[in-house]
Amino acid sequence: MRAEAVDPDATAPIDPVPSTSPVIDADATQPIDPLARPGAGASAQARGRVPAGWATWSEVRAAKRQLARAKAARRRYERKEVRRFTERSRRRRRAWLIGGGSVVLVSVGVLAIAYSPLMALREVRVEGAATIPAADIQAAFAGDLGTPLPLITSAEVQAALGGFPLIETYSVETVPPDTLVVRVVERTPVGVLETPEGLELVDAAGVVIDRPSERPEGQPVISAGPVTSEGFRAAAGVMRSLPAEVRSQVVQATAATADDVRFVLGSGASVVWGSAEESTLKATVLAQLMRSVAPGTVAVFDVSAPMSPGLIG
């Protein structure tokens, strides 16, 4: 028998009706969109129809929640870091605000109390007045009674005390809640001037303190020209520098010039003083000389040169 040649390009006849069902590859299915409708991905995955690597709807929602939590944590971290780096400035700002608020509150409280009726003047206390009656000084402030202490000005105090020529200097102090303390220094008389109008008791500045009818005891008659002259100023300064034990014995003082001050003691002895320079030393030397000699035995004490004083019997 002769064998037939087989054409390799020829295919076997295909049966149009396969005897068995074709095998469907599961990996060849079309991708399913899990966002198409709720639950689609999960149910498809449950049926084995979602390919590997595709996210389900629940996984997408979980990823969104995780992303939101991460963003919130990041924001919290950033706020914490900002607070940490600005803590010192915020602390300083709080301190300034608290301090400023405290100052404002205290100031408002002090002003409210200071200008309230609780601080109204009710008592005037006078200190240092000897010749001037204290009641007269208190009466000078009658118009200020009821006025808050902070509202009593220096001009009002000067106006009240200006009517007292015997006051040389003064100072005032407010003592809460209602007291005004007035401390005065009265003028110190140095002698008596003989004028056409009569005797005038004056201080070292020539201010008239009193007009007595006769020379007060312990006050010498000063004969040194007008109160504006250099002779009067020199003599008045010397009288003021004398210790009380010496000054009480002076009955008359003269000064032809500022360098020629002299005075007479009650014993009749004269004192050559010279200028007003070194008055403290001269007063000390004169007091020692007067204690060292018997009264009436010396006619002249010369202390014009205090380091070498002289006595004339």
Protein backbone atom coordinates (compact mmCIF):
# COMPACT_ATOMS: atom_id res chain seq x y z
CA MET A 1 0.00 0.00 0.00
CA ARG A 2 1.09 3.47 -0.69
CA ALA A 3 1.15 5.94 2.16
CA GLU A 4 -0.52 9.31 1.65
CA ALA A 5 1.34 12.51 2.30
CA VAL A 6 -0.01 14.72 5.07
CA ASP A 7 -0.02 18.46 4.60
CA PRO A 8 1.33 20.05 7.85
CA ASP A 9 -0.57 23.28 7.27
CA ALA A 10 -3.81 21.55 7.12
CA THR A 11 -5.88 21.61 10.30
CA ALA A 12 -8.16 19.04 11.57
CA PRO A 13 -11.85 19.68 11.01
CA ILE A 14 -13.45 21.54 13.85
CA ASP A 15 -16.57 20.29 15.41
CA PRO A 16 -19.06 23.21 15.43
CA VAL A 17 -20.79 21.73 18.37
CA PRO A 18 -18.26 21.03 21.05
CA SER A 19 -18.93 18.06 23.07
CA THR A 20 -17.95 19.79 26.29
CA SER A 21 -18.38 23.37 27.69
CA PRO A 22 -15.38 25.64 27.26
CA VAL A 23 -13.30 26.33 30.35
CA ILE A 24 -13.49 29.98 31.43
CA ASP A 25 -10.33 31.41 32.91
CA ALA A 26 -11.24 33.32 36.13
CA ASP A 27 -8.33 35.69 35.65
CA ALA A 28 -9.70 36.87 32.33
CA THR A 29 -12.80 38.57 33.79
CA GLN A 30 -13.29 42.30 33.43
CA PRO A 31 -12.25 44.52 36.43
CA ILE A 32 -15.10 45.51 38.70
CA ASP A 33 -15.26 49.13 40.02
CA PRO A 34 -15.85 48.96 43.77
CA LEU A 35 -17.14 52.54 43.79
CA ALA A 36 -19.89 51.78 41.34
CA ARG A 37 -22.40 51.13 44.09
CA PRO A 38 -22.19 50.41 47.84
CA GLY A 39 -21.39 46.85 48.62
CA ALA A 40 -20.62 45.94 45.05
CA GLY A 41 -16.95 45.33 45.70
CA ALA A 42 -17.47 43.39 48.86
CA SER A 43 -20.12 41.13 47.37
CA ALA A 44 -18.08 40.62 44.26
CA GLN A 45 -15.00 39.77 46.27
CA ALA A 46 -17.08 37.45 48.35
CA ARG A 47 -18.11 35.69 45.09
CA GLY A 48 -14.48 35.62 44.02
CA ARG A 49 -15.06 38.12 41.19
CA VAL A 50 -12.63 40.96 42.44
CA PRO A 51 -9.14 40.56 41.12
CA ALA A 52 -6.22 40.56 43.47
CA GLY A 53 -4.85 44.09 44.24
CA TRP A 54 -8.18 45.87 43.88
CA ALA A 55 -9.65 47.68 46.97
CA THR A 56 -13.09 47.09 48.24
CA TRP A 57 -15.54 49.82 49.29
CA SER A 58 -14.97 49.16 53.00
CA GLU A 59 -11.23 49.35 52.48
CA VAL A 60 -11.57 52.70 50.75
CA ARG A 61 -13.65 54.08 53.64
CA ALA A 62 -11.14 52.71 56.14
CA ALA A 63 -8.32 54.35 54.22
CA LYS A 64 -10.16 57.68 54.24
CA ARG A 65 -10.72 57.46 58.00
CA GLN A 66 -7.07 56.63 58.54
CA LEU A 67 -6.02 59.57 56.38
CA ALA A 68 -8.34 61.92 58.32
CA ARG A 69 -6.93 60.66 61.62
CA ALA A 70 -3.39 61.20 60.35
CA LYS A 71 -4.23 64.76 59.29
CA ALA A 72 -5.83 65.50 62.68
CA ALA A 73 -2.81 64.07 64.49
CA ARG A 74 -0.53 66.19 62.32
CA ARG A 75 -2.52 69.31 63.15
CA ARG A 76 -2.42 68.50 66.86
CA TYR A 77 1.32 67.96 66.69
CA GLU A 78 1.84 71.26 64.86
CA ARG A 79 -0.29 73.16 67.40
CA LYS A 80 1.63 71.52 70.24
CA GLU A 81 4.96 72.52 68.70
CA VAL A 82 3.76 76.10 68.17
CA ARG A 83 2.65 76.30 71.79
CA ARG A 84 5.97 74.85 72.95
CA PHE A 85 8.04 77.36 71.00
CA THR A 86 5.86 80.32 71.98
CA GLU A 87 5.41 79.40 75.65
CA ARG A 88 7.99 81.93 76.88
CA SER A 89 6.51 84.83 74.93
CA ARG A 90 3.00 83.88 75.99
CA ARG A 91 4.16 83.64 79.60
CA ARG A 92 5.79 87.07 79.34
CA ARG A 93 2.67 88.51 77.75
CA ARG A 94 0.51 87.06 80.51
CA ALA A 95 2.82 88.54 83.14
CA TRP A 96 2.62 91.98 81.50
CA LEU A 97 -1.14 91.76 81.22
CA ILE A 98 -1.54 90.67 84.83
CA GLY A 99 0.90 93.32 86.06
CA GLY A 100 -0.69 96.07 84.01
CA GLY A 101 -4.15 95.06 85.09
CA SER A 102 -3.09 95.01 88.73
CA VAL A 103 -1.58 98.50 88.44
CA VAL A 104 -4.74 99.81 86.82
CA LEU A 105 -6.96 98.24 89.45
CA VAL A 106 -4.80 99.53 92.31
CA SER A 107 -4.64 103.01 90.78
CA VAL A 108 -8.39 103.14 90.30
CA GLY A 109 -8.91 101.93 93.86
CA VAL A 110 -6.49 104.46 95.30
CA LEU A 111 -8.06 107.31 93.37
CA ALA A 112 -11.52 106.22 94.37
CA ILE A 113 -10.53 106.15 98.03
CA ALA A 114 -8.41 109.31 97.90
CA TYR A 115 -11.16 111.45 96.45
CA SER A 116 -13.95 109.93 98.48
CA PRO A 117 -15.53 111.53 101.56
CA LEU A 118 -13.50 109.10 103.66
CA MET A 119 -10.40 111.24 102.97
CA ALA A 120 -12.07 114.57 103.71
CA LEU A 121 -10.20 116.99 106.00
CA ARG A 122 -11.62 116.98 109.52
CA GLU A 123 -8.66 117.80 111.76
CA VAL A 124 -5.76 120.28 111.55
CA ARG A 125 -2.89 119.49 113.90
CA VAL A 126 -0.38 122.31 114.58
CA GLU A 127 3.17 121.61 115.74
CA GLY A 128 5.98 124.04 116.61
CA ALA A 129 3.83 127.06 117.43
CA ALA A 130 4.82 128.86 120.63
CA THR A 131 4.03 132.52 120.15
CA ILE A 132 1.23 131.98 117.66
CA PRO A 133 -1.90 130.38 119.15
CA ALA A 134 -2.49 127.01 117.52
CA ALA A 135 -6.22 127.72 117.42
CA ASP A 136 -5.60 130.68 115.13
CA ILE A 137 -3.73 128.51 112.65
CA GLN A 138 -6.45 125.88 112.77
CA ALA A 139 -9.10 128.53 112.14
CA ALA A 140 -7.22 129.59 108.99
CA PHE A 141 -8.05 126.19 107.46
CA ALA A 142 -11.76 126.33 108.29
CA GLY A 143 -12.65 126.81 104.64
CA ASP A 144 -10.84 123.60 103.67
CA LEU A 145 -12.70 121.34 106.09
CA GLY A 146 -14.54 118.63 104.17
CA THR A 147 -12.18 118.83 101.20
CA PRO A 148 -10.42 115.55 100.24
CA LEU A 149 -6.80 115.70 101.38
CA PRO A 150 -5.32 115.22 97.87
CA LEU A 151 -7.25 118.28 96.67
CA ILE A 152 -5.68 120.65 99.22
CA THR A 153 -2.98 122.38 97.18
CA SER A 154 0.18 124.13 98.31
CA ALA A 155 -1.28 127.43 97.14
CA GLU A 156 -4.22 127.00 99.52
CA VAL A 157 -1.87 126.18 102.40
CA GLN A 158 0.25 129.25 101.63
CA ALA A 159 -2.85 131.43 101.50
CA ALA A 160 -3.97 130.11 104.90
CA LEU A 161 -0.59 130.69 106.56
CA GLY A 162 0.30 133.90 104.77
CA GLY A 163 -1.49 135.94 107.42
CA PHE A 164 0.98 134.92 110.14
CA PRO A 165 4.16 137.02 109.85
CA LEU A 166 5.70 135.18 112.79
CA ILE A 167 5.93 131.98 110.74
CA GLU A 168 9.38 131.82 109.15
CA THR A 169 9.03 128.41 107.50
CA TYR A 170 6.41 125.67 107.51
CA SER A 171 5.73 122.20 106.22
CA VAL A 172 2.54 120.20 105.89
CA GLU A 173 1.84 116.48 105.99
CA THR A 174 -1.37 114.61 105.27
CA VAL A 175 -2.15 111.78 107.66
CA PRO A 176 -4.96 109.62 106.28
CA PRO A 177 -7.78 109.46 106.55
CA ASP A 178 -8.68 112.98 107.66
CA THR A 179 -5.77 114.84 109.32
CA LEU A 180 -3.54 117.66 108.08
CA VAL A 181 -0.37 118.23 110.15
CA VAL A 182 1.08 121.76 109.96
CA ARG A 183 4.62 122.14 111.30
CA VAL A 184 5.75 125.74 111.70
CA VAL A 185 9.04 127.38 112.60
CA GLU A 186 8.44 130.76 114.16
CA ARG A 187 10.69 133.71 113.53
CA THR A 188 13.40 134.21 116.13
CA PRO A 189 13.60 137.79 117.37
CA VAL A 190 17.12 139.23 117.50
CA GLY A 191 16.44 142.64 118.99
CA VAL A 192 14.42 145.80 119.13
CA LEU A 193 14.59 148.74 116.75
CA GLU A 194 13.78 152.26 117.87
CA THR A 195 11.61 153.92 115.22
CA PRO A 196 9.52 157.09 115.10
CA GLU A 197 6.44 154.86 115.50
CA GLY A 198 7.88 153.19 118.60
CA LEU A 199 9.74 149.97 119.33
CA GLU A 200 9.69 147.11 116.80
CA LEU A 201 10.74 143.59 117.67
CA VAL A 202 12.39 142.15 114.56
CA ASP A 203 14.09 138.96 113.42
CA ALA A 204 17.38 138.63 111.52
CA ALA A 205 15.64 139.48 108.23
CA GLY A 206 14.15 142.68 109.66
CA VAL A 207 10.58 141.33 109.70
CA VAL A 208 8.54 142.99 112.43
CA ILE A 209 7.34 140.38 114.89
CA ASP A 210 5.78 142.66 117.46
CA ARG A 211 5.53 146.30 118.51
CA PRO A 212 6.03 146.27 122.29
CA SER A 213 5.61 149.33 124.46
CA GLU A 214 8.97 148.69 126.13
CA ARG A 215 12.05 146.59 125.47
CA PRO A 216 11.33 142.92 126.19
CA GLU A 217 13.70 141.26 128.61
CA GLY A 218 16.53 139.51 126.83
CA GLN A 219 16.08 141.53 123.62
CA PRO A 220 18.84 144.12 122.95
CA VAL A 221 18.28 147.43 121.24
CA ILE A 222 20.02 147.31 117.85
CA SER A 223 21.45 150.57 116.55
CA ALA A 224 22.87 149.69 113.15
CA GLY A 225 20.89 151.70 110.63
CA PRO A 226 17.96 150.48 108.52
CA VAL A 227 17.17 146.79 108.27
CA THR A 228 18.44 146.76 104.70
CA SER A 229 21.94 147.96 105.65
CA GLU A 230 24.99 145.70 105.93
CA GLY A 231 25.55 146.90 109.50
CA PHE A 232 22.11 145.68 110.61
CA ARG A 233 22.51 142.33 108.87
CA ALA A 234 25.91 141.84 110.54
CA ALA A 235 24.65 142.80 114.01
CA ALA A 236 21.51 140.67 113.65
CA GLY A 237 23.57 137.69 112.52
CA VAL A 238 25.86 138.04 115.53
CA MET A 239 22.90 138.23 117.95
CA ARG A 240 21.44 135.09 116.45
CA SER A 241 24.73 133.19 116.80
CA LEU A 242 25.21 133.98 120.48
CA PRO A 243 24.50 131.20 122.98
CA ALA A 244 21.48 131.77 125.19
CA GLU A 245 23.62 132.40 128.30
CA VAL A 246 25.42 135.29 126.58
CA ARG A 247 22.60 136.68 124.53
CA SER A 248 20.34 137.09 127.54
CA GLN A 249 22.91 139.55 128.99
CA VAL A 250 23.14 141.82 125.91
CA VAL A 251 21.26 145.09 126.28
CA GLN A 252 22.48 147.00 123.21
CA ALA A 253 24.20 146.19 119.93
CA THR A 254 25.78 148.58 117.44
CA ALA A 255 27.42 148.23 114.05
CA ALA A 256 28.80 151.28 112.29
CA THR A 257 29.94 148.94 109.50
CA ALA A 258 29.71 145.23 108.81
CA ASP A 259 33.21 144.78 110.28
CA ASP A 260 32.64 146.74 113.48
CA VAL A 261 30.00 144.94 115.53
CA ARG A 262 29.95 145.81 119.23
CA PHE A 263 27.50 145.25 122.04
CA VAL A 264 27.07 146.10 125.70
CA LEU A 265 26.33 143.58 128.45
CA GLY A 266 24.05 144.12 131.40
CA SER A 267 27.09 144.37 133.67
CA GLY A 268 28.23 147.43 131.75
CA ALA A 269 31.11 145.68 130.01
CA SER A 270 31.53 146.11 126.27
CA VAL A 271 32.30 143.42 123.71
CA VAL A 272 34.38 144.13 120.61
CA TRP A 273 33.21 141.56 118.10
CA GLY A 274 34.46 142.80 114.76
CA SER A 275 32.96 141.21 111.65
CA ALA A 276 30.36 138.47 111.56
CA GLU A 277 32.96 135.96 110.39
CA GLU A 278 33.86 133.11 112.74
CA SER A 279 30.87 134.00 114.90
CA THR A 280 30.58 130.48 116.31
CA LEU A 281 34.20 130.47 117.47
CA LYS A 282 33.93 134.00 118.84
CA ALA A 283 30.80 133.11 120.80
CA THR A 284 32.54 130.10 122.37
CA VAL A 285 35.60 132.17 123.33
CA LEU A 286 33.46 134.98 124.78
CA ALA A 287 31.44 132.55 126.90
CA GLN A 288 34.64 131.04 128.33
CA LEU A 289 36.08 134.49 129.09
CA MET A 290 32.92 135.58 130.87
CA ARG A 291 32.96 132.44 133.01
CA SER A 292 36.64 132.82 133.85
CA VAL A 293 36.52 136.37 135.28
CA ALA A 294 34.54 137.85 138.12
CA PRO A 295 31.61 140.05 137.10
CA GLY A 296 32.44 143.75 137.04
CA THR A 297 36.20 143.23 136.86
CA VAL A 298 36.47 143.58 133.08
CA ALA A 299 35.39 146.62 131.06
CA VAL A 300 36.02 145.28 127.54
CA PHE A 301 36.06 141.79 126.04
CA ASP A 302 37.84 141.79 122.69
CA VAL A 303 37.14 138.70 120.59
CA SER A 304 37.65 140.26 117.19
CA ALA A 305 40.68 137.98 116.90
CA PRO A 306 39.32 134.84 118.60
CA MET A 307 42.63 133.00 118.61
CA SER A 308 44.17 135.81 120.71
CA PRO A 309 41.33 137.43 122.70
CA GLY A 310 41.93 140.42 124.91
CA LEU A 311 40.61 141.71 128.22
CA ILE A 312 40.63 145.35 129.33
CA GLY A 313 40.03 145.99 133.02
